Each structure stands twice: as structure tokens, then as C-alpha cells.
C-alpha atoms as a PDB file:
ATOM      1  CA  MET A   1      96.635 120.782  97.260  1.00  0.00           C
ATOM      2  CA  ASP A   2      94.588 117.615  97.018  1.00  0.00           C
ATOM      3  CA  ILE A   3      95.093 114.331  95.126  1.00  0.00           C
ATOM      4  CA  LEU A   4      93.343 115.561  91.982  1.00  0.00           C
ATOM      5  CA  ASN A   5      95.530 118.687  91.872  1.00  0.00           C
ATOM      6  CA  LEU A   6      98.634 116.566  92.457  1.00  0.00           C
ATOM      7  CA  VAL A   7      97.846 114.204  89.591  1.00  0.00           C
ATOM      8  CA  GLU A   8      97.110 117.160  87.276  1.00  0.00           C
ATOM      9  CA  LYS A   9     100.410 118.800  88.206  1.00  0.00           C
ATOM     10  CA  LEU A  10     102.374 115.554  87.744  1.00  0.00           C
ATOM     11  CA  ASP A  11     100.813 115.125  84.287  1.00  0.00           C
ATOM     12  CA  GLU A  12     101.553 118.761  83.476  1.00  0.00           C
ATOM     13  CA  ILE A  13     105.266 118.422  84.228  1.00  0.00           C
ATOM     14  CA  GLY A  14     105.532 115.079  82.461  1.00  0.00           C
ATOM     15  CA  VAL A  15     106.048 112.601  85.293  1.00  0.00           C
ATOM     16  CA  PRO A  16     105.401 109.110  83.886  1.00  0.00           C
ATOM     17  CA  LYS A  17     102.520 107.333  85.653  1.00  0.00           C
ATOM     18  CA  ARG A  18     104.745 104.299  86.244  1.00  0.00           C
ATOM     19  CA  TYR A  19     106.855 106.430  88.644  1.00  0.00           C
ATOM     20  CA  TYR A  20     104.093 106.706  91.241  1.00  0.00           C
ATOM     21  CA  SER A  21     100.990 105.166  92.776  1.00  0.00           C
ATOM     22  CA  ILE A  22      98.355 107.003  94.788  1.00  0.00           C
ATOM     23  CA  ASN A  23      96.051 104.841  96.896  1.00  0.00           C
ATOM     24  CA  GLY A  24      96.816 101.984  94.548  1.00  0.00           C
ATOM     25  CA  ASP A  25      99.167  99.087  93.936  1.00  0.00           C
ATOM     26  CA  LEU A  26     102.557  98.527  95.510  1.00  0.00           C
ATOM     27  CA  SER A  27     104.658  98.227  92.373  1.00  0.00           C
ATOM     28  CA  SER A  28     108.420  98.027  92.709  1.00  0.00           C
ATOM     29  CA  ASP A  29     110.543 101.060  91.886  1.00  0.00           C
ATOM     30  CA  THR A  30     107.580 103.350  92.545  1.00  0.00           C
ATOM     31  CA  TYR A  31     106.849 106.321  94.797  1.00  0.00           C
ATOM     32  CA  ILE A  32     103.790 105.493  96.882  1.00  0.00           C
ATOM     33  CA  LEU A  33     101.248 107.806  98.524  1.00  0.00           C
ATOM     34  CA  ASN A  34      98.492 106.097 100.519  1.00  0.00           C
ATOM     35  CA  GLU A  35      95.827 107.282 102.895  1.00  0.00           C
ATOM     36  CA  VAL A  36      95.813 105.048 105.973  1.00  0.00           C
ATOM     37  CA  TYR A  37      93.363 105.715 108.800  1.00  0.00           C
ATOM     38  CA  GLY A  38      93.142 109.432 108.029  1.00  0.00           C
ATOM     39  CA  LYS A  39      96.894 109.942 107.687  1.00  0.00           C
ATOM     40  CA  TRP A  40      99.029 109.919 104.556  1.00  0.00           C
ATOM     41  CA  GLU A  41     102.098 107.734 104.138  1.00  0.00           C
ATOM     42  CA  PHE A  42     104.742 108.379 101.523  1.00  0.00           C
ATOM     43  CA  PHE A  43     107.659 106.130 100.592  1.00  0.00           C
ATOM     44  CA  TYR A  44     109.691 104.709  97.755  1.00  0.00           C
ATOM     45  CA  PHE A  45     108.964 101.004  97.254  1.00  0.00           C
ATOM     46  CA  ASP A  46     112.127  99.396  95.891  1.00  0.00           C
ATOM     47  CA  GLU A  47     112.616  96.162  93.930  1.00  0.00           C
ATOM     48  CA  LYS A  48     113.308  94.208  97.152  1.00  0.00           C
ATOM     49  CA  GLY A  49     110.063  95.336  98.777  1.00  0.00           C
ATOM     50  CA  ASN A  50     111.677  97.863 101.104  1.00  0.00           C
ATOM     51  CA  ARG A  51     109.932 101.092 102.016  1.00  0.00           C
ATOM     52  CA  ASN A  52     112.553 103.821 101.684  1.00  0.00           C
ATOM     53  CA  ASN A  53     112.267 107.446 102.858  1.00  0.00           C
ATOM     54  CA  TYR A  54     109.070 106.619 104.746  1.00  0.00           C
ATOM     55  CA  LYS A  55     107.149 109.650 105.996  1.00  0.00           C
ATOM     56  CA  ILE A  56     103.729 110.137 107.581  1.00  0.00           C
ATOM     57  CA  PHE A  57     101.678 113.287 107.054  1.00  0.00           C
ATOM     58  CA  THR A  58      98.604 114.391 108.974  1.00  0.00           C
ATOM     59  CA  ASN A  59      97.090 116.271 106.051  1.00  0.00           C
ATOM     60  CA  VAL A  60      96.760 115.698 102.339  1.00  0.00           C
ATOM     61  CA  ASN A  61      98.256 119.068 101.348  1.00  0.00           C
ATOM     62  CA  ASP A  62     101.606 118.372 103.011  1.00  0.00           C
ATOM     63  CA  ALA A  63     101.703 114.836 101.608  1.00  0.00           C
ATOM     64  CA  CYS A  64     100.949 116.033  98.068  1.00  0.00           C
ATOM     65  CA  MET A  65     103.478 118.861  98.229  1.00  0.00           C
ATOM     66  CA  HIS A  66     106.151 116.423  99.425  1.00  0.00           C
ATOM     67  CA  MET A  67     105.411 113.925  96.669  1.00  0.00           C
ATOM     68  CA  LEU A  68     105.400 116.686  94.056  1.00  0.00           C
ATOM     69  CA  SER A  69     108.784 118.001  95.181  1.00  0.00           C
ATOM     70  CA  ILE A  70     110.323 114.497  95.187  1.00  0.00           C
ATOM     71  CA  LEU A  71     109.007 113.647  91.726  1.00  0.00           C
ATOM     72  CA  LYS A  72     110.035 117.034  90.322  1.00  0.00           C
ATOM     73  CA  ALA A  73     113.574 116.333  91.500  1.00  0.00           C
ATOM     74  CA  GLU A  74     113.397 112.791  90.117  1.00  0.00           C
ATOM     75  CA  ILE A  75     112.705 114.020  86.587  1.00  0.00           C
ATOM     76  CA  GLY A  76     114.982 117.062  86.873  1.00  0.00           C
ATOM     77  CA  CYS A  77     112.203 119.633  86.830  1.00  0.00           C
ATOM     78  CA  GLN A  78     112.667 122.966  88.613  1.00  0.00           C
END
């Protein structure tokens, strides 16, 4: 899976765009996925500016699959 596939899947299952940011802004109460020096970081950016559940992935597929599973659970999708 790549970023384009991830965004298509998130749209398909009805995840609101305000729930996540991919290579974009650090908005509070948002799940973040960023490419940094060839690796992918995932975390939840809370209202106090904390990075919760921080994970680093070495490939885009694993990062996208992780974000998809987290957001599916967030909206109660199976």
C-alpha cells in the first residue's frame, strides 16, 4: 500500500479528513504520518502538543497499514 491507496481507502470507509494528516500540518487531535529521511513516523498529536503512540516504520506499506488499522478502529469500522 502507498499513500495514494491509503487516502483512497480512508475516504472509502468514511474517515473524516480532520482525523489525519499525511506529510502535512501538525494539527492537534490528529493522527500524523510523515516521511522523514526515508523513514515513516506515525503518532497521535494531542491538544497539548504531545506525540502519543509514536512509531517509526522503514517502509511505506507498513506505515500505511498501521495508520489504516488505527483509523478503522477509531471510527468503529471492521
